[in-house]
Amino acid sequence: MLIDSHCHLEYKGLVEEQQSVLERARAAGVHGFLNISTRQSEWDRVVGTAAREPDVWASVGIHPHEADGHADLGAAVLLAATEHPKVIGIGETGLDYYYDKSDREVQQDLFRVHIGVARETGLPLIIHTRDAEEDTAAILREEMGKGAFPALIHCFTASADFARIVLDLGLSISISGIVTFKNAKDLQEVAAWIPQERLLVETDSPFLAPVPHRGRPCEPAFVADTAAFVAGLRSEPVEKLAEYTTRNFHALFQKAAA
């Protein structure tokens, strides 16, 4: 029994046959889905799907790519959106210096707004970071100094040093299908030693389909392939990994159980 801790059910490639996508995932042993938002205009759709499907939850947040278009988004707007009973996380948010689609200072400011809401609500922060390890770590350290908040690095692809930093700060780490790629040796090494109680799995669908599904739109069902691969790296049965990653999900996203 697995949970896809990060998927985009409203994105092209999934939304056209959303119900079939969910049914295929359930048949593959996936019994929970966190439907992630990336811009304010999609919050209603993301939350609407979660409201309709008992095993789907939602997040509200602004992806760093979209930061320039939401530079004036205040904490009050985010806070209001978290009141829905199926909204269990804040994000995805963070820093992306690889594409630099938004001004870096705006990304940082908006990241801090999300952190403040996570701290105030107790809802976990879902963090995207790419080519921005130093600034991400610095902001997390500084903000943790103001008061702790729960958080997760999603689709982890950073260095082992960054993994140790965020683990020391109390964060969890989610592994996507990238770990199955041939050129992902460093990530595979990290996935093998992440503490059991801090590990989650995800698809980030419709992106990043794992082996053996490369070249196809990714689906939540494929989290089973990623879980099996990671279990192999950790020399343990996939059933054991499924059990503790599901437990970790509910320990982090406590509103889901409620």
C-alpha atoms as a PDB file:
ATOM      1  CA  MET A   1       0.000   0.000   0.000  1.00  0.00           C
ATOM      2  CA  LEU A   2       1.749   3.111  -1.297  1.00  0.00           C
ATOM      3  CA  ILE A   3       1.133   6.850  -1.315  1.00  0.00           C
ATOM      4  CA  ASP A   4       2.203   9.103  -4.177  1.00  0.00           C
ATOM      5  CA  SER A   5       3.332  12.064  -2.112  1.00  0.00           C
ATOM      6  CA  HIS A   6       3.598  14.452  -5.084  1.00  0.00           C
ATOM      7  CA  CYS A   7       1.592  14.402  -8.320  1.00  0.00           C
ATOM      8  CA  HIS A   8      -0.061  16.970 -10.578  1.00  0.00           C
ATOM      9  CA  LEU A   9      -3.435  15.480 -11.423  1.00  0.00           C
ATOM     10  CA  GLU A  10      -4.638  18.658 -13.148  1.00  0.00           C
ATOM     11  CA  TYR A  11      -1.749  18.761 -15.639  1.00  0.00           C
ATOM     12  CA  LYS A  12      -1.932  17.804 -19.299  1.00  0.00           C
ATOM     13  CA  GLY A  13      -1.183  14.123 -19.618  1.00  0.00           C
ATOM     14  CA  LEU A  14      -3.258  13.201 -16.566  1.00  0.00           C
ATOM     15  CA  VAL A  15      -6.283  15.476 -16.392  1.00  0.00           C
ATOM     16  CA  GLU A  16      -7.723  14.258 -19.727  1.00  0.00           C
ATOM     17  CA  GLU A  17      -8.362  10.824 -18.185  1.00  0.00           C
ATOM     18  CA  GLN A  18      -8.001  11.611 -14.521  1.00  0.00           C
ATOM     19  CA  GLN A  19     -10.435   8.977 -13.284  1.00  0.00           C
ATOM     20  CA  SER A  20      -8.737   6.213 -15.275  1.00  0.00           C
ATOM     21  CA  VAL A  21      -5.351   7.400 -14.047  1.00  0.00           C
ATOM     22  CA  LEU A  22      -6.516   7.098 -10.453  1.00  0.00           C
ATOM     23  CA  GLU A  23      -8.061   3.682 -11.026  1.00  0.00           C
ATOM     24  CA  ARG A  24      -4.856   2.347 -12.590  1.00  0.00           C
ATOM     25  CA  ALA A  25      -2.882   3.622  -9.619  1.00  0.00           C
ATOM     26  CA  ARG A  26      -5.246   2.038  -7.104  1.00  0.00           C
ATOM     27  CA  ALA A  27      -4.972  -1.256  -8.986  1.00  0.00           C
ATOM     28  CA  ALA A  28      -1.172  -0.954  -8.663  1.00  0.00           C
ATOM     29  CA  GLY A  29      -1.432  -0.622  -4.886  1.00  0.00           C
ATOM     30  CA  VAL A  30      -1.409   3.166  -4.593  1.00  0.00           C
ATOM     31  CA  HIS A  31      -4.039   4.292  -2.109  1.00  0.00           C
ATOM     32  CA  GLY A  32      -3.206   7.922  -1.494  1.00  0.00           C
ATOM     33  CA  PHE A  33      -2.348  10.904  -3.675  1.00  0.00           C
ATOM     34  CA  LEU A  34      -1.157  14.402  -2.808  1.00  0.00           C
ATOM     35  CA  ASN A  35      -2.315  16.645  -5.664  1.00  0.00           C
ATOM     36  CA  ILE A  36       0.141  19.546  -5.864  1.00  0.00           C
ATOM     37  CA  SER A  37      -0.546  23.111  -6.995  1.00  0.00           C
ATOM     38  CA  THR A  38       1.987  25.443  -8.592  1.00  0.00           C
ATOM     39  CA  ARG A  39       0.017  28.664  -9.184  1.00  0.00           C
ATOM     40  CA  GLN A  40      -2.979  30.352  -7.594  1.00  0.00           C
ATOM     41  CA  SER A  41      -5.177  29.950 -10.675  1.00  0.00           C
ATOM     42  CA  GLU A  42      -5.166  26.153 -10.273  1.00  0.00           C
ATOM     43  CA  TRP A  43      -5.913  25.987  -6.541  1.00  0.00           C
ATOM     44  CA  ASP A  44      -9.658  25.529  -7.059  1.00  0.00           C
ATOM     45  CA  ARG A  45      -9.147  22.613  -9.478  1.00  0.00           C
ATOM     46  CA  VAL A  46      -6.550  20.926  -7.284  1.00  0.00           C
ATOM     47  CA  VAL A  47      -8.723  21.239  -4.187  1.00  0.00           C
ATOM     48  CA  GLY A  48     -11.838  20.258  -6.144  1.00  0.00           C
ATOM     49  CA  THR A  49     -10.318  16.944  -7.164  1.00  0.00           C
ATOM     50  CA  ALA A  50      -9.310  16.280  -3.566  1.00  0.00           C
ATOM     51  CA  ALA A  51     -12.814  17.121  -2.369  1.00  0.00           C
ATOM     52  CA  ARG A  52     -14.281  14.652  -4.863  1.00  0.00           C
ATOM     53  CA  GLU A  53     -11.880  11.732  -4.276  1.00  0.00           C
ATOM     54  CA  PRO A  54     -11.597  10.294  -0.742  1.00  0.00           C
ATOM     55  CA  ASP A  55      -7.970   9.183  -1.207  1.00  0.00           C
ATOM     56  CA  VAL A  56      -6.721  12.441  -2.789  1.00  0.00           C
ATOM     57  CA  TRP A  57      -5.431  15.437  -0.820  1.00  0.00           C
ATOM     58  CA  ALA A  58      -4.323  18.870  -1.996  1.00  0.00           C
ATOM     59  CA  SER A  59      -1.611  21.459  -1.479  1.00  0.00           C
ATOM     60  CA  VAL A  60      -1.718  25.202  -2.112  1.00  0.00           C
ATOM     61  CA  GLY A  61       1.327  27.163  -3.131  1.00  0.00           C
ATOM     62  CA  ILE A  62       3.380  28.901  -5.807  1.00  0.00           C
ATOM     63  CA  HIS A  63       6.180  27.155  -7.705  1.00  0.00           C
ATOM     64  CA  PRO A  64       9.378  29.229  -8.029  1.00  0.00           C
ATOM     65  CA  HIS A  65       8.848  29.332 -11.811  1.00  0.00           C
ATOM     66  CA  GLU A  66       5.626  31.245 -11.123  1.00  0.00           C
ATOM     67  CA  ALA A  67       7.041  33.601  -8.491  1.00  0.00           C
ATOM     68  CA  ASP A  68       7.188  36.710 -10.690  1.00  0.00           C
ATOM     69  CA  GLY A  69       3.475  36.397 -11.400  1.00  0.00           C
ATOM     70  CA  HIS A  70       2.681  36.134  -7.674  1.00  0.00           C
ATOM     71  CA  ALA A  71       5.176  38.582  -6.195  1.00  0.00           C
ATOM     72  CA  ASP A  72       2.466  40.354  -4.206  1.00  0.00           C
ATOM     73  CA  LEU A  73       0.811  37.179  -2.902  1.00  0.00           C
ATOM     74  CA  GLY A  74       0.408  37.745   0.805  1.00  0.00           C
ATOM     75  CA  ALA A  75       0.372  35.235   3.613  1.00  0.00           C
ATOM     76  CA  ALA A  76      -3.330  35.943   4.227  1.00  0.00           C
ATOM     77  CA  VAL A  77      -4.299  34.498   0.840  1.00  0.00           C
ATOM     78  CA  LEU A  78      -2.365  31.306   1.496  1.00  0.00           C
ATOM     79  CA  LEU A  79      -3.719  31.040   5.011  1.00  0.00           C
ATOM     80  CA  ALA A  80      -7.297  31.318   3.799  1.00  0.00           C
ATOM     81  CA  ALA A  81      -6.731  28.559   1.240  1.00  0.00           C
ATOM     82  CA  THR A  82      -5.402  26.183   3.912  1.00  0.00           C
ATOM     83  CA  GLU A  83      -8.713  26.188   5.742  1.00  0.00           C
ATOM     84  CA  HIS A  84     -10.199  23.602   3.386  1.00  0.00           C
ATOM     85  CA  PRO A  85     -10.195  20.205   5.134  1.00  0.00           C
ATOM     86  CA  LYS A  86      -8.471  18.446   2.214  1.00  0.00           C
ATOM     87  CA  VAL A  87      -5.594  20.965   1.981  1.00  0.00           C
ATOM     88  CA  ILE A  88      -2.800  19.268   3.910  1.00  0.00           C
ATOM     89  CA  GLY A  89       0.373  20.972   2.654  1.00  0.00           C
ATOM     90  CA  ILE A  90       1.942  24.278   1.582  1.00  0.00           C
ATOM     91  CA  GLY A  91       3.616  24.355  -1.816  1.00  0.00           C
ATOM     92  CA  GLU A  92       5.228  23.501  -3.877  1.00  0.00           C
ATOM     93  CA  THR A  93       7.536  26.415  -3.242  1.00  0.00           C
ATOM     94  CA  GLY A  94      11.260  27.019  -3.144  1.00  0.00           C
ATOM     95  CA  LEU A  95      14.088  28.094  -5.414  1.00  0.00           C
ATOM     96  CA  ASP A  96      14.955  27.159  -8.994  1.00  0.00           C
ATOM     97  CA  TYR A  97      18.154  28.695 -10.352  1.00  0.00           C
ATOM     98  CA  TYR A  98      18.456  26.178 -13.196  1.00  0.00           C
ATOM     99  CA  TYR A  99      15.760  27.748 -15.366  1.00  0.00           C
ATOM    100  CA  ASP A 100      15.629  31.147 -13.605  1.00  0.00           C
ATOM    101  CA  LYS A 101      12.089  31.713 -14.854  1.00  0.00           C
ATOM    102  CA  SER A 102      11.519  34.200 -12.018  1.00  0.00           C
ATOM    103  CA  ASP A 103      13.733  36.773 -10.357  1.00  0.00           C
ATOM    104  CA  ARG A 104      15.804  35.094  -7.644  1.00  0.00           C
ATOM    105  CA  GLU A 105      15.003  37.684  -5.009  1.00  0.00           C
ATOM    106  CA  VAL A 106      11.287  37.321  -5.704  1.00  0.00           C
ATOM    107  CA  GLN A 107      11.644  33.537  -5.424  1.00  0.00           C
ATOM    108  CA  GLN A 108      13.359  33.923  -2.063  1.00  0.00           C
ATOM    109  CA  ASP A 109      10.781  36.374  -0.727  1.00  0.00           C
ATOM    110  CA  LEU A 110       7.880  34.158  -1.745  1.00  0.00           C
ATOM    111  CA  PHE A 111       9.623  31.111  -0.301  1.00  0.00           C
ATOM    112  CA  ARG A 112       9.754  32.902   3.045  1.00  0.00           C
ATOM    113  CA  VAL A 113       6.043  33.759   2.819  1.00  0.00           C
ATOM    114  CA  HIS A 114       5.267  30.058   2.393  1.00  0.00           C
ATOM    115  CA  ILE A 115       7.555  29.176   5.301  1.00  0.00           C
ATOM    116  CA  GLY A 116       5.704  31.625   7.531  1.00  0.00           C
ATOM    117  CA  VAL A 117       2.366  30.032   6.653  1.00  0.00           C
ATOM    118  CA  ALA A 118       3.754  26.543   7.269  1.00  0.00           C
ATOM    119  CA  ARG A 119       4.991  27.675  10.674  1.00  0.00           C
ATOM    120  CA  GLU A 120       1.649  29.293  11.541  1.00  0.00           C
ATOM    121  CA  THR A 121      -0.562  26.429  10.376  1.00  0.00           C
ATOM    122  CA  GLY A 122       1.686  23.478  11.160  1.00  0.00           C
ATOM    123  CA  LEU A 123       1.107  22.199   7.622  1.00  0.00           C
ATOM    124  CA  PRO A 124       4.230  20.783   5.959  1.00  0.00           C
ATOM    125  CA  LEU A 125       6.143  22.848   3.443  1.00  0.00           C
ATOM    126  CA  ILE A 126       6.727  21.087   0.099  1.00  0.00           C
ATOM    127  CA  ILE A 127      10.051  22.376  -1.239  1.00  0.00           C
ATOM    128  CA  HIS A 128      11.339  22.442  -4.809  1.00  0.00           C
ATOM    129  CA  THR A 129      15.047  23.248  -5.081  1.00  0.00           C
ATOM    130  CA  ARG A 130      17.224  23.019  -8.173  1.00  0.00           C
ATOM    131  CA  ASP A 131      20.738  24.421  -8.553  1.00  0.00           C
ATOM    132  CA  ALA A 132      20.047  26.471  -5.427  1.00  0.00           C
ATOM    133  CA  GLU A 133      21.394  24.339  -2.593  1.00  0.00           C
ATOM    134  CA  GLU A 134      23.339  27.095  -0.873  1.00  0.00           C
ATOM    135  CA  ASP A 135      20.508  29.632  -0.767  1.00  0.00           C
ATOM    136  CA  THR A 136      17.889  27.015   0.073  1.00  0.00           C
ATOM    137  CA  ALA A 137      19.958  25.773   3.005  1.00  0.00           C
ATOM    138  CA  ALA A 138      20.678  29.311   4.206  1.00  0.00           C
ATOM    139  CA  ILE A 139      17.001  30.300   4.159  1.00  0.00           C
ATOM    140  CA  LEU A 140      15.941  27.088   5.894  1.00  0.00           C
ATOM    141  CA  ARG A 141      18.541  27.537   8.623  1.00  0.00           C
ATOM    142  CA  GLU A 142      17.589  31.166   9.165  1.00  0.00           C
ATOM    143  CA  GLU A 143      13.861  30.492   9.199  1.00  0.00           C
ATOM    144  CA  MET A 144      14.183  27.461  11.474  1.00  0.00           C
ATOM    145  CA  GLY A 145      15.940  29.803  13.892  1.00  0.00           C
ATOM    146  CA  LYS A 146      12.735  31.861  14.056  1.00  0.00           C
ATOM    147  CA  GLY A 147      10.635  28.826  14.891  1.00  0.00           C
ATOM    148  CA  ALA A 148      10.430  25.262  13.639  1.00  0.00           C
ATOM    149  CA  PHE A 149       8.124  24.137  10.839  1.00  0.00           C
ATOM    150  CA  PRO A 150       7.578  20.753   9.140  1.00  0.00           C
ATOM    151  CA  ALA A 151       8.987  20.424   5.632  1.00  0.00           C
ATOM    152  CA  LEU A 152       9.849  18.045   2.833  1.00  0.00           C
ATOM    153  CA  ILE A 153      12.323  18.259  -0.044  1.00  0.00           C
ATOM    154  CA  HIS A 154      10.364  16.829  -2.950  1.00  0.00           C
ATOM    155  CA  CYS A 155      11.907  15.092  -5.972  1.00  0.00           C
ATOM    156  CA  PHE A 156      15.313  15.109  -4.309  1.00  0.00           C
ATOM    157  CA  THR A 157      18.215  15.446  -6.776  1.00  0.00           C
ATOM    158  CA  ALA A 158      20.696  17.461  -4.733  1.00  0.00           C
ATOM    159  CA  SER A 159      24.015  16.461  -3.180  1.00  0.00           C
ATOM    160  CA  ALA A 160      24.639  14.126  -0.272  1.00  0.00           C
ATOM    161  CA  ASP A 161      25.901  17.131   1.701  1.00  0.00           C
ATOM    162  CA  PHE A 162      22.592  18.944   1.140  1.00  0.00           C
ATOM    163  CA  ALA A 163      20.703  15.816   2.182  1.00  0.00           C
ATOM    164  CA  ARG A 164      22.596  15.770   5.475  1.00  0.00           C
ATOM    165  CA  ILE A 165      21.901  19.479   6.028  1.00  0.00           C
ATOM    166  CA  VAL A 166      18.146  19.172   5.551  1.00  0.00           C
ATOM    167  CA  LEU A 167      17.957  15.987   7.578  1.00  0.00           C
ATOM    168  CA  ASP A 168      19.796  17.732  10.411  1.00  0.00           C
ATOM    169  CA  LEU A 169      17.170  20.498  10.201  1.00  0.00           C
ATOM    170  CA  GLY A 170      14.425  17.923  10.675  1.00  0.00           C
ATOM    171  CA  LEU A 171      13.163  17.726   7.086  1.00  0.00           C
ATOM    172  CA  SER A 172      12.040  14.650   5.186  1.00  0.00           C
ATOM    173  CA  ILE A 173      13.131  13.677   1.669  1.00  0.00           C
ATOM    174  CA  SER A 174      10.984  12.351  -1.157  1.00  0.00           C
ATOM    175  CA  ILE A 175      12.450  10.297  -3.995  1.00  0.00           C
ATOM    176  CA  SER A 176      10.999  10.336  -7.528  1.00  0.00           C
ATOM    177  CA  GLY A 177      11.501   8.169 -10.602  1.00  0.00           C
ATOM    178  CA  ILE A 178      14.745  10.009 -11.358  1.00  0.00           C
ATOM    179  CA  VAL A 179      16.404   7.532  -9.001  1.00  0.00           C
ATOM    180  CA  THR A 180      15.865   4.786 -11.619  1.00  0.00           C
ATOM    181  CA  PHE A 181      17.781   6.646 -14.338  1.00  0.00           C
ATOM    182  CA  LYS A 182      21.151   5.234 -15.403  1.00  0.00           C
ATOM    183  CA  ASN A 183      22.944   8.527 -14.742  1.00  0.00           C
ATOM    184  CA  ALA A 184      21.535   8.907 -11.220  1.00  0.00           C
ATOM    185  CA  LYS A 185      24.303   7.044  -9.347  1.00  0.00           C
ATOM    186  CA  ASP A 186      24.816   9.801  -6.769  1.00  0.00           C
ATOM    187  CA  LEU A 187      21.081   9.959  -6.045  1.00  0.00           C
ATOM    188  CA  GLN A 188      20.930   6.185  -5.764  1.00  0.00           C
ATOM    189  CA  GLU A 189      23.649   6.296  -3.108  1.00  0.00           C
ATOM    190  CA  VAL A 190      21.711   8.916  -1.143  1.00  0.00           C
ATOM    191  CA  ALA A 191      18.439   6.985  -1.450  1.00  0.00           C
ATOM    192  CA  ALA A 192      20.157   3.944   0.037  1.00  0.00           C
ATOM    193  CA  TRP A 193      21.059   5.670   3.331  1.00  0.00           C
ATOM    194  CA  ILE A 194      18.278   8.198   4.016  1.00  0.00           C
ATOM    195  CA  PRO A 195      16.956   7.311   7.485  1.00  0.00           C
ATOM    196  CA  GLN A 196      13.907   5.096   7.251  1.00  0.00           C
ATOM    197  CA  GLU A 197      11.704   7.504   9.202  1.00  0.00           C
ATOM    198  CA  ARG A 198      12.456  10.423   6.839  1.00  0.00           C
ATOM    199  CA  LEU A 199      11.858   8.788   3.433  1.00  0.00           C
ATOM    200  CA  LEU A 200       8.872   9.243   1.117  1.00  0.00           C
ATOM    201  CA  VAL A 201       8.285   8.326  -2.526  1.00  0.00           C
ATOM    202  CA  GLU A 202       6.549  10.212  -5.316  1.00  0.00           C
ATOM    203  CA  THR A 203       6.067  10.444  -9.070  1.00  0.00           C
ATOM    204  CA  ASP A 204       5.909  14.195  -9.785  1.00  0.00           C
ATOM    205  CA  SER A 205       3.633  12.946 -12.567  1.00  0.00           C
ATOM    206  CA  PRO A 206       3.096  13.654 -15.400  1.00  0.00           C
ATOM    207  CA  PHE A 207       6.864  14.267 -15.404  1.00  0.00           C
ATOM    208  CA  LEU A 208       9.883  12.002 -14.831  1.00  0.00           C
ATOM    209  CA  ALA A 209       8.479   8.575 -15.612  1.00  0.00           C
ATOM    210  CA  PRO A 210      10.706   5.932 -14.024  1.00  0.00           C
ATOM    211  CA  VAL A 211      12.264   2.976 -15.796  1.00  0.00           C
ATOM    212  CA  PRO A 212      10.630   0.988 -17.421  1.00  0.00           C
ATOM    213  CA  HIS A 213       8.182   3.716 -18.481  1.00  0.00           C
ATOM    214  CA  ARG A 214      10.617   6.245 -19.965  1.00  0.00           C
ATOM    215  CA  GLY A 215       9.181   8.238 -22.883  1.00  0.00           C
ATOM    216  CA  ARG A 216       5.622   8.069 -21.547  1.00  0.00           C
ATOM    217  CA  PRO A 217       3.673  10.542 -19.435  1.00  0.00           C
ATOM    218  CA  CYS A 218       4.278   9.576 -15.823  1.00  0.00           C
ATOM    219  CA  GLU A 219       1.312   8.348 -13.778  1.00  0.00           C
ATOM    220  CA  PRO A 220       0.819   7.887 -10.040  1.00  0.00           C
ATOM    221  CA  ALA A 221       0.727   4.116 -10.633  1.00  0.00           C
ATOM    222  CA  PHE A 222       4.422   4.290 -11.473  1.00  0.00           C
ATOM    223  CA  VAL A 223       5.315   5.139  -7.876  1.00  0.00           C
ATOM    224  CA  ALA A 224       5.224   1.365  -7.427  1.00  0.00           C
ATOM    225  CA  ASP A 225       8.176   1.030  -9.821  1.00  0.00           C
ATOM    226  CA  THR A 226      10.132   3.714  -7.984  1.00  0.00           C
ATOM    227  CA  ALA A 227       9.359   2.113  -4.632  1.00  0.00           C
ATOM    228  CA  ALA A 228      10.537  -1.287  -5.863  1.00  0.00           C
ATOM    229  CA  PHE A 229      13.777   0.217  -7.177  1.00  0.00           C
ATOM    230  CA  VAL A 230      14.485   2.120  -3.956  1.00  0.00           C
ATOM    231  CA  ALA A 231      13.711  -0.986  -1.905  1.00  0.00           C
ATOM    232  CA  GLY A 232      16.325  -2.811  -3.957  1.00  0.00           C
ATOM    233  CA  LEU A 233      18.882  -0.097  -3.228  1.00  0.00           C
ATOM    234  CA  ARG A 234      18.116  -0.485   0.471  1.00  0.00           C
ATOM    235  CA  SER A 235      18.158  -4.318   0.353  1.00  0.00           C
ATOM    236  CA  GLU A 236      14.687  -4.650   1.803  1.00  0.00           C
ATOM    237  CA  PRO A 237      11.305  -5.965   0.620  1.00  0.00           C
ATOM    238  CA  VAL A 238       9.191  -3.410  -1.206  1.00  0.00           C
ATOM    239  CA  GLU A 239       6.346  -4.239   1.186  1.00  0.00           C
ATOM    240  CA  LYS A 240       8.450  -2.968   4.068  1.00  0.00           C
ATOM    241  CA  LEU A 241       9.313   0.250   2.211  1.00  0.00           C
ATOM    242  CA  ALA A 242       5.655   0.759   1.299  1.00  0.00           C
ATOM    243  CA  GLU A 243       4.664   0.343   4.933  1.00  0.00           C
ATOM    244  CA  TYR A 244       7.092   2.856   6.395  1.00  0.00           C
ATOM    245  CA  THR A 245       6.863   5.457   3.619  1.00  0.00           C
ATOM    246  CA  THR A 246       3.080   5.442   4.070  1.00  0.00           C
ATOM    247  CA  ARG A 247       3.545   5.783   7.817  1.00  0.00           C
ATOM    248  CA  ASN A 248       5.998   8.635   7.240  1.00  0.00           C
ATOM    249  CA  PHE A 249       3.527  10.406   4.965  1.00  0.00           C
ATOM    250  CA  HIS A 250       0.838  10.390   7.625  1.00  0.00           C
ATOM    251  CA  ALA A 251       3.306  11.391  10.344  1.00  0.00           C
ATOM    252  CA  LEU A 252       4.334  14.418   8.280  1.00  0.00           C
ATOM    253  CA  PHE A 253       0.971  15.324   6.740  1.00  0.00           C
ATOM    254  CA  GLN A 254      -1.029  14.864   9.923  1.00  0.00           C
ATOM    255  CA  LYS A 255      -4.095  16.644   8.557  1.00  0.00           C
ATOM    256  CA  ALA A 256      -4.521  13.782   6.075  1.00  0.00           C
ATOM    257  CA  ALA A 257      -5.401  11.373   8.849  1.00  0.00           C
ATOM    258  CA  ALA A 258      -7.914  13.821  10.275  1.00  0.00           C
END
